[in-house]
Amino acid sequence: MKSSFEWISISDMFAGIMMVFLLLAITFMFITQNQSKALIKKNQELSVLNDHMSEILKAYSDLQLNINNDLVREFSGDFSKWNASIDDTNTIRFNELDSIFEIGKSDIKDDFKVILDDFFPRYMKIINKYRDDIEEIIIEGHASNIWRGANNINDSFLYNATLSQNRALNVMRYCFLNNTKNDEKEWLMKVLHSNGMSFSRPLESEEKSRRVEFRVTTKAYNSIKEVIDLEVLKLE
């Protein structure tokens, strides 16, 4: 009796298998091609980002260097007598807080007022040259981790935070009210700030940690992070 099933030939079976493999190969090639295009696009975007970042970093570096050169040229003869210094971030640091404030107090001593009367108008003369590029002028008060009478490190931090903020604010107030021109004040209201840092940024000794700093930040500096955040988001 004949079977009701018809067996497919071996050649037909192999032909079917070859068709499956061919479809798989075509699918793989299509996926690989798309991945390759996507990879090329990513590399192109990364190249554009790299060029953009290079331009910003060069602009930032050039601006920082120009400001630093002007500040050093203007104040290099005064830093020693003021017990002050400047670093490569264009932060001008006034040390020896005992000559600036009474211990535990925030009122500015007369001797430091004399220094500010000399320093700040000259400082603003330089800053005004770069006004369009300036993001912030920050006056910071810094303290050591010592607070006489504090029961623990938490109290010391909070007491010094209040003291350093009051000191920075008083320096800002004195400079703004006594050593700025009328045509500077409207702009300074937008960019001039005071911060009390307590002992969050200590230096190599308690004595050097106690200081007042004038720090300037530029728009180029802030735009670096903005570009990175924006471009990385696009690449995700």
C-alpha atoms as a PDB file:
ATOM      1  CA  MET A   1       0.000   0.000   0.000  1.00  0.00           C
ATOM      2  CA  LYS A   2       1.373   3.407  -0.977  1.00  0.00           C
ATOM      3  CA  SER A   3       2.111   5.924   1.789  1.00  0.00           C
ATOM      4  CA  SER A   4      -0.013   9.059   1.789  1.00  0.00           C
ATOM      5  CA  PHE A   5       3.084  11.102   2.622  1.00  0.00           C
ATOM      6  CA  GLU A   6       5.367  12.363  -0.096  1.00  0.00           C
ATOM      7  CA  TRP A   7       8.943  12.692   1.045  1.00  0.00           C
ATOM      8  CA  ILE A   8      10.774  15.798  -0.217  1.00  0.00           C
ATOM      9  CA  SER A   9      14.004  15.086  -1.981  1.00  0.00           C
ATOM     10  CA  ILE A  10      17.355  15.765  -0.312  1.00  0.00           C
ATOM     11  CA  SER A  11      18.128  18.389  -2.933  1.00  0.00           C
ATOM     12  CA  ASP A  12      14.886  20.240  -2.175  1.00  0.00           C
ATOM     13  CA  MET A  13      15.661  20.100   1.538  1.00  0.00           C
ATOM     14  CA  PHE A  14      19.146  21.560   1.047  1.00  0.00           C
ATOM     15  CA  ALA A  15      17.712  24.227  -1.220  1.00  0.00           C
ATOM     16  CA  GLY A  16      15.316  25.259   1.550  1.00  0.00           C
ATOM     17  CA  ILE A  17      18.137  25.364   4.107  1.00  0.00           C
ATOM     18  CA  MET A  18      20.244  27.470   1.750  1.00  0.00           C
ATOM     19  CA  MET A  19      17.370  29.917   1.380  1.00  0.00           C
ATOM     20  CA  VAL A  20      17.154  30.251   5.179  1.00  0.00           C
ATOM     21  CA  PHE A  21      20.901  30.875   5.432  1.00  0.00           C
ATOM     22  CA  LEU A  22      20.701  33.367   2.569  1.00  0.00           C
ATOM     23  CA  LEU A  23      17.928  35.293   4.325  1.00  0.00           C
ATOM     24  CA  LEU A  24      19.940  35.283   7.572  1.00  0.00           C
ATOM     25  CA  ALA A  25      23.036  36.510   5.738  1.00  0.00           C
ATOM     26  CA  ILE A  26      21.113  39.330   4.056  1.00  0.00           C
ATOM     27  CA  THR A  27      19.536  40.317   7.385  1.00  0.00           C
ATOM     28  CA  PHE A  28      22.952  40.319   9.080  1.00  0.00           C
ATOM     29  CA  MET A  29      24.462  42.426   6.283  1.00  0.00           C
ATOM     30  CA  PHE A  30      21.577  44.888   6.540  1.00  0.00           C
ATOM     31  CA  ILE A  31      21.984  45.193  10.327  1.00  0.00           C
ATOM     32  CA  THR A  32      25.770  45.534  10.029  1.00  0.00           C
ATOM     33  CA  GLN A  33      25.409  48.188   7.340  1.00  0.00           C
ATOM     34  CA  ASN A  34      23.006  50.208   9.513  1.00  0.00           C
ATOM     35  CA  GLN A  35      25.301  49.842  12.519  1.00  0.00           C
ATOM     36  CA  SER A  36      28.234  50.965  10.418  1.00  0.00           C
ATOM     37  CA  LYS A  37      26.319  54.044   9.251  1.00  0.00           C
ATOM     38  CA  ALA A  38      25.327  54.812  12.839  1.00  0.00           C
ATOM     39  CA  LEU A  39      28.937  54.411  13.955  1.00  0.00           C
ATOM     40  CA  ILE A  40      30.157  56.725  11.210  1.00  0.00           C
ATOM     41  CA  LYS A  41      27.542  59.291  12.220  1.00  0.00           C
ATOM     42  CA  LYS A  42      28.585  59.050  15.879  1.00  0.00           C
ATOM     43  CA  ASN A  43      32.232  59.508  14.926  1.00  0.00           C
ATOM     44  CA  GLN A  44      31.359  62.548  12.843  1.00  0.00           C
ATOM     45  CA  GLU A  45      29.387  64.038  15.753  1.00  0.00           C
ATOM     46  CA  LEU A  46      32.265  63.344  18.126  1.00  0.00           C
ATOM     47  CA  SER A  47      34.657  65.024  15.710  1.00  0.00           C
ATOM     48  CA  VAL A  48      32.439  68.125  15.573  1.00  0.00           C
ATOM     49  CA  LEU A  49      32.199  68.110  19.379  1.00  0.00           C
ATOM     50  CA  ASN A  50      35.962  67.804  19.673  1.00  0.00           C
ATOM     51  CA  ASP A  51      36.509  70.753  17.317  1.00  0.00           C
ATOM     52  CA  HIS A  52      33.921  72.815  19.184  1.00  0.00           C
ATOM     53  CA  MET A  53      35.477  72.000  22.548  1.00  0.00           C
ATOM     54  CA  SER A  54      38.939  72.813  21.237  1.00  0.00           C
ATOM     55  CA  GLU A  55      37.752  76.244  20.142  1.00  0.00           C
ATOM     56  CA  ILE A  56      36.133  76.922  23.531  1.00  0.00           C
ATOM     57  CA  LEU A  57      39.147  75.682  25.483  1.00  0.00           C
ATOM     58  CA  LYS A  58      41.491  77.842  23.429  1.00  0.00           C
ATOM     59  CA  ALA A  59      39.271  80.881  23.933  1.00  0.00           C
ATOM     60  CA  TYR A  60      39.114  80.155  27.670  1.00  0.00           C
ATOM     61  CA  SER A  61      42.875  79.631  27.910  1.00  0.00           C
ATOM     62  CA  ASP A  62      43.645  82.818  25.979  1.00  0.00           C
ATOM     63  CA  LEU A  63      41.208  84.849  28.070  1.00  0.00           C
ATOM     64  CA  GLN A  64      42.559  83.486  31.361  1.00  0.00           C
ATOM     65  CA  LEU A  65      46.105  84.233  30.287  1.00  0.00           C
ATOM     66  CA  ASN A  66      45.271  87.789  29.200  1.00  0.00           C
ATOM     67  CA  ILE A  67      43.503  88.553  32.474  1.00  0.00           C
ATOM     68  CA  ASN A  68      46.318  86.990  34.472  1.00  0.00           C
ATOM     69  CA  ASN A  69      48.964  88.993  32.615  1.00  0.00           C
ATOM     70  CA  ASP A  70      47.077  92.229  33.269  1.00  0.00           C
ATOM     71  CA  LEU A  71      46.548  91.477  36.965  1.00  0.00           C
ATOM     72  CA  VAL A  72      50.162  90.442  37.527  1.00  0.00           C
ATOM     73  CA  ARG A  73      51.425  93.485  35.663  1.00  0.00           C
ATOM     74  CA  GLU A  74      49.211  95.763  37.743  1.00  0.00           C
ATOM     75  CA  PHE A  75      49.726  94.273  41.213  1.00  0.00           C
ATOM     76  CA  SER A  76      53.040  92.413  41.235  1.00  0.00           C
ATOM     77  CA  GLY A  77      54.691  95.281  43.107  1.00  0.00           C
ATOM     78  CA  ASP A  78      51.953  95.287  45.777  1.00  0.00           C
ATOM     79  CA  PHE A  79      51.463  91.617  46.637  1.00  0.00           C
ATOM     80  CA  SER A  80      54.380  91.473  49.035  1.00  0.00           C
ATOM     81  CA  LYS A  81      53.393  94.505  51.116  1.00  0.00           C
ATOM     82  CA  TRP A  82      49.751  93.374  51.128  1.00  0.00           C
ATOM     83  CA  ASN A  83      50.703  89.770  51.941  1.00  0.00           C
ATOM     84  CA  ALA A  84      48.659  88.792  48.903  1.00  0.00           C
ATOM     85  CA  SER A  85      49.133  86.484  45.931  1.00  0.00           C
ATOM     86  CA  ILE A  86      47.550  85.420  42.654  1.00  0.00           C
ATOM     87  CA  ASP A  87      47.191  81.917  41.194  1.00  0.00           C
ATOM     88  CA  ASP A  88      46.612  80.618  37.671  1.00  0.00           C
ATOM     89  CA  THR A  89      42.825  80.758  38.120  1.00  0.00           C
ATOM     90  CA  ASN A  90      43.144  84.534  38.555  1.00  0.00           C
ATOM     91  CA  THR A  91      42.185  84.310  42.206  1.00  0.00           C
ATOM     92  CA  ILE A  92      43.757  87.091  44.261  1.00  0.00           C
ATOM     93  CA  ARG A  93      44.231  85.978  47.853  1.00  0.00           C
ATOM     94  CA  PHE A  94      44.677  88.239  50.868  1.00  0.00           C
ATOM     95  CA  ASN A  95      46.277  86.393  53.758  1.00  0.00           C
ATOM     96  CA  GLU A  96      46.827  87.236  57.434  1.00  0.00           C
ATOM     97  CA  LEU A  97      43.224  87.746  58.446  1.00  0.00           C
ATOM     98  CA  ASP A  98      44.400  89.122  61.794  1.00  0.00           C
ATOM     99  CA  SER A  99      45.404  92.261  59.896  1.00  0.00           C
ATOM    100  CA  ILE A 100      42.018  92.360  58.149  1.00  0.00           C
ATOM    101  CA  PHE A 101      39.568  91.473  60.951  1.00  0.00           C
ATOM    102  CA  GLU A 102      39.569  91.182  64.704  1.00  0.00           C
ATOM    103  CA  ILE A 103      39.553  87.578  65.898  1.00  0.00           C
ATOM    104  CA  GLY A 104      36.006  86.229  65.720  1.00  0.00           C
ATOM    105  CA  LYS A 105      34.650  89.474  64.240  1.00  0.00           C
ATOM    106  CA  SER A 106      33.634  90.586  60.768  1.00  0.00           C
ATOM    107  CA  ASP A 107      34.256  94.352  60.872  1.00  0.00           C
ATOM    108  CA  ILE A 108      37.042  95.385  58.483  1.00  0.00           C
ATOM    109  CA  LYS A 109      40.098  96.936  60.109  1.00  0.00           C
ATOM    110  CA  ASP A 110      41.136 100.407  58.966  1.00  0.00           C
ATOM    111  CA  ASP A 111      44.451  99.127  57.580  1.00  0.00           C
ATOM    112  CA  PHE A 112      42.646  96.765  55.224  1.00  0.00           C
ATOM    113  CA  LYS A 113      40.243  99.519  54.172  1.00  0.00           C
ATOM    114  CA  VAL A 114      43.302 101.452  53.006  1.00  0.00           C
ATOM    115  CA  ILE A 115      44.394  98.434  50.972  1.00  0.00           C
ATOM    116  CA  LEU A 116      40.924  98.025  49.452  1.00  0.00           C
ATOM    117  CA  ASP A 117      40.854 101.736  48.567  1.00  0.00           C
ATOM    118  CA  ASP A 118      44.009 101.155  46.547  1.00  0.00           C
ATOM    119  CA  PHE A 119      43.262  97.667  45.238  1.00  0.00           C
ATOM    120  CA  PHE A 120      39.644  97.598  44.123  1.00  0.00           C
ATOM    121  CA  PRO A 121      39.529 100.605  41.736  1.00  0.00           C
ATOM    122  CA  ARG A 122      42.630  99.275  39.970  1.00  0.00           C
ATOM    123  CA  TYR A 123      41.147  95.777  39.951  1.00  0.00           C
ATOM    124  CA  MET A 124      37.946  97.058  38.358  1.00  0.00           C
ATOM    125  CA  LYS A 125      39.901  98.974  35.744  1.00  0.00           C
ATOM    126  CA  ILE A 126      41.264  95.647  34.507  1.00  0.00           C
ATOM    127  CA  ILE A 127      38.013  93.703  34.905  1.00  0.00           C
ATOM    128  CA  ASN A 128      36.142  96.347  32.902  1.00  0.00           C
ATOM    129  CA  LYS A 129      38.333  95.524  29.899  1.00  0.00           C
ATOM    130  CA  TYR A 130      36.821  92.040  29.882  1.00  0.00           C
ATOM    131  CA  ARG A 131      33.312  92.941  31.006  1.00  0.00           C
ATOM    132  CA  ASP A 132      31.593  91.146  28.108  1.00  0.00           C
ATOM    133  CA  ASP A 133      33.412  87.921  29.015  1.00  0.00           C
ATOM    134  CA  ILE A 134      32.911  88.013  32.794  1.00  0.00           C
ATOM    135  CA  GLU A 135      30.344  85.716  34.385  1.00  0.00           C
ATOM    136  CA  GLU A 136      30.975  86.426  38.080  1.00  0.00           C
ATOM    137  CA  ILE A 137      33.207  88.320  40.465  1.00  0.00           C
ATOM    138  CA  ILE A 138      33.158  86.426  43.738  1.00  0.00           C
ATOM    139  CA  ILE A 139      34.506  87.645  47.065  1.00  0.00           C
ATOM    140  CA  GLU A 140      35.064  84.631  49.305  1.00  0.00           C
ATOM    141  CA  GLY A 141      35.721  84.409  53.026  1.00  0.00           C
ATOM    142  CA  HIS A 142      37.648  81.330  54.189  1.00  0.00           C
ATOM    143  CA  ALA A 143      38.314  80.116  57.716  1.00  0.00           C
ATOM    144  CA  SER A 144      40.320  77.460  59.522  1.00  0.00           C
ATOM    145  CA  ASN A 145      38.593  74.597  61.330  1.00  0.00           C
ATOM    146  CA  ILE A 146      39.189  76.208  64.710  1.00  0.00           C
ATOM    147  CA  TRP A 147      36.451  77.941  66.692  1.00  0.00           C
ATOM    148  CA  ARG A 148      37.166  78.710  70.302  1.00  0.00           C
ATOM    149  CA  GLY A 149      34.346  77.410  72.477  1.00  0.00           C
ATOM    150  CA  ALA A 150      32.846  75.112  69.864  1.00  0.00           C
ATOM    151  CA  ASN A 151      31.708  71.798  71.335  1.00  0.00           C
ATOM    152  CA  ASN A 152      32.307  69.769  68.170  1.00  0.00           C
ATOM    153  CA  ILE A 153      33.354  69.984  64.528  1.00  0.00           C
ATOM    154  CA  ASN A 154      29.761  70.600  63.397  1.00  0.00           C
ATOM    155  CA  ASP A 155      29.448  73.704  65.558  1.00  0.00           C
ATOM    156  CA  SER A 156      32.868  74.895  64.392  1.00  0.00           C
ATOM    157  CA  PHE A 157      31.851  74.537  60.744  1.00  0.00           C
ATOM    158  CA  LEU A 158      28.583  76.430  61.188  1.00  0.00           C
ATOM    159  CA  TYR A 159      30.081  79.217  63.303  1.00  0.00           C
ATOM    160  CA  ASN A 160      32.865  79.700  60.778  1.00  0.00           C
ATOM    161  CA  ALA A 161      30.357  79.601  57.907  1.00  0.00           C
ATOM    162  CA  THR A 162      28.479  82.521  59.440  1.00  0.00           C
ATOM    163  CA  LEU A 163      31.673  84.418  60.244  1.00  0.00           C
ATOM    164  CA  SER A 164      33.249  83.892  56.810  1.00  0.00           C
ATOM    165  CA  GLN A 165      30.011  84.925  55.075  1.00  0.00           C
ATOM    166  CA  ASN A 166      29.757  88.108  57.127  1.00  0.00           C
ATOM    167  CA  ARG A 167      33.381  88.937  56.419  1.00  0.00           C
ATOM    168  CA  ALA A 168      33.006  88.409  52.671  1.00  0.00           C
ATOM    169  CA  LEU A 169      29.801  90.428  52.646  1.00  0.00           C
ATOM    170  CA  ASN A 170      31.425  93.314  54.522  1.00  0.00           C
ATOM    171  CA  VAL A 171      34.342  93.367  52.076  1.00  0.00           C
ATOM    172  CA  MET A 172      31.903  93.351  49.151  1.00  0.00           C
ATOM    173  CA  ARG A 173      29.811  96.083  50.756  1.00  0.00           C
ATOM    174  CA  TYR A 174      32.844  98.279  51.399  1.00  0.00           C
ATOM    175  CA  CYS A 175      34.180  97.879  47.860  1.00  0.00           C
ATOM    176  CA  PHE A 176      30.783  98.443  46.256  1.00  0.00           C
ATOM    177  CA  LEU A 177      29.914 101.538  48.288  1.00  0.00           C
ATOM    178  CA  ASN A 178      33.335 103.167  48.423  1.00  0.00           C
ATOM    179  CA  ASN A 179      35.415 102.069  45.467  1.00  0.00           C
ATOM    180  CA  THR A 180      33.201 101.741  42.419  1.00  0.00           C
ATOM    181  CA  LYS A 181      32.111 104.273  39.830  1.00  0.00           C
ATOM    182  CA  ASN A 182      28.436 104.930  39.263  1.00  0.00           C
ATOM    183  CA  ASP A 183      28.568 103.477  35.751  1.00  0.00           C
ATOM    184  CA  GLU A 184      29.983 100.225  37.173  1.00  0.00           C
ATOM    185  CA  LYS A 185      27.367  99.609  39.831  1.00  0.00           C
ATOM    186  CA  GLU A 186      24.500  98.454  37.634  1.00  0.00           C
ATOM    187  CA  TRP A 187      26.718  95.820  36.052  1.00  0.00           C
ATOM    188  CA  LEU A 188      28.249  94.792  39.385  1.00  0.00           C
ATOM    189  CA  MET A 189      24.775  94.183  40.784  1.00  0.00           C
ATOM    190  CA  LYS A 190      24.522  91.348  38.265  1.00  0.00           C
ATOM    191  CA  VAL A 191      27.943  89.752  38.690  1.00  0.00           C
ATOM    192  CA  LEU A 192      29.336  90.633  42.126  1.00  0.00           C
ATOM    193  CA  HIS A 193      28.713  88.046  44.854  1.00  0.00           C
ATOM    194  CA  SER A 194      30.022  87.137  48.295  1.00  0.00           C
ATOM    195  CA  ASN A 195      30.402  83.624  49.674  1.00  0.00           C
ATOM    196  CA  GLY A 196      31.303  82.319  53.105  1.00  0.00           C
ATOM    197  CA  MET A 197      33.214  79.075  52.653  1.00  0.00           C
ATOM    198  CA  SER A 198      33.883  78.213  56.321  1.00  0.00           C
ATOM    199  CA  PHE A 199      36.757  75.681  56.190  1.00  0.00           C
ATOM    200  CA  SER A 200      35.504  73.755  53.144  1.00  0.00           C
ATOM    201  CA  ARG A 201      38.634  74.627  51.111  1.00  0.00           C
ATOM    202  CA  PRO A 202      41.551  74.456  53.520  1.00  0.00           C
ATOM    203  CA  LEU A 203      45.132  75.217  52.519  1.00  0.00           C
ATOM    204  CA  GLU A 204      48.328  73.660  53.866  1.00  0.00           C
ATOM    205  CA  SER A 205      48.054  75.304  57.275  1.00  0.00           C
ATOM    206  CA  GLU A 206      45.403  76.799  59.551  1.00  0.00           C
ATOM    207  CA  GLU A 207      46.988  80.228  59.210  1.00  0.00           C
ATOM    208  CA  LYS A 208      46.947  80.166  55.390  1.00  0.00           C
ATOM    209  CA  SER A 209      43.429  78.741  55.340  1.00  0.00           C
ATOM    210  CA  ARG A 210      42.145  81.958  56.921  1.00  0.00           C
ATOM    211  CA  ARG A 211      41.911  84.346  54.004  1.00  0.00           C
ATOM    212  CA  VAL A 212      39.805  86.585  51.742  1.00  0.00           C
ATOM    213  CA  GLU A 213      39.820  85.928  48.001  1.00  0.00           C
ATOM    214  CA  PHE A 214      38.712  87.826  44.910  1.00  0.00           C
ATOM    215  CA  ARG A 215      37.891  85.333  42.156  1.00  0.00           C
ATOM    216  CA  VAL A 216      36.666  86.018  38.646  1.00  0.00           C
ATOM    217  CA  THR A 217      34.957  83.447  36.431  1.00  0.00           C
ATOM    218  CA  THR A 218      34.385  83.840  32.723  1.00  0.00           C
ATOM    219  CA  LYS A 219      31.554  82.889  30.410  1.00  0.00           C
ATOM    220  CA  ALA A 220      33.958  80.704  28.441  1.00  0.00           C
ATOM    221  CA  TYR A 221      34.538  78.568  31.530  1.00  0.00           C
ATOM    222  CA  ASN A 222      30.822  77.994  32.104  1.00  0.00           C
ATOM    223  CA  SER A 223      30.143  77.326  28.431  1.00  0.00           C
ATOM    224  CA  ILE A 224      32.546  74.361  28.507  1.00  0.00           C
ATOM    225  CA  LYS A 225      30.247  72.389  30.798  1.00  0.00           C
ATOM    226  CA  GLU A 226      27.143  73.523  28.920  1.00  0.00           C
ATOM    227  CA  VAL A 227      28.518  72.271  25.604  1.00  0.00           C
ATOM    228  CA  ILE A 228      29.621  68.959  27.115  1.00  0.00           C
ATOM    229  CA  ASP A 229      26.217  68.394  28.732  1.00  0.00           C
ATOM    230  CA  LEU A 230      24.354  69.292  25.532  1.00  0.00           C
ATOM    231  CA  GLU A 231      26.488  67.263  23.156  1.00  0.00           C
ATOM    232  CA  VAL A 232      26.726  64.204  25.390  1.00  0.00           C
ATOM    233  CA  LEU A 233      22.945  64.244  25.671  1.00  0.00           C
ATOM    234  CA  LYS A 234      22.696  64.213  21.875  1.00  0.00           C
ATOM    235  CA  LEU A 235      25.079  61.276  21.646  1.00  0.00           C
ATOM    236  CA  GLU A 236      23.172  59.124  24.126  1.00  0.00           C
END
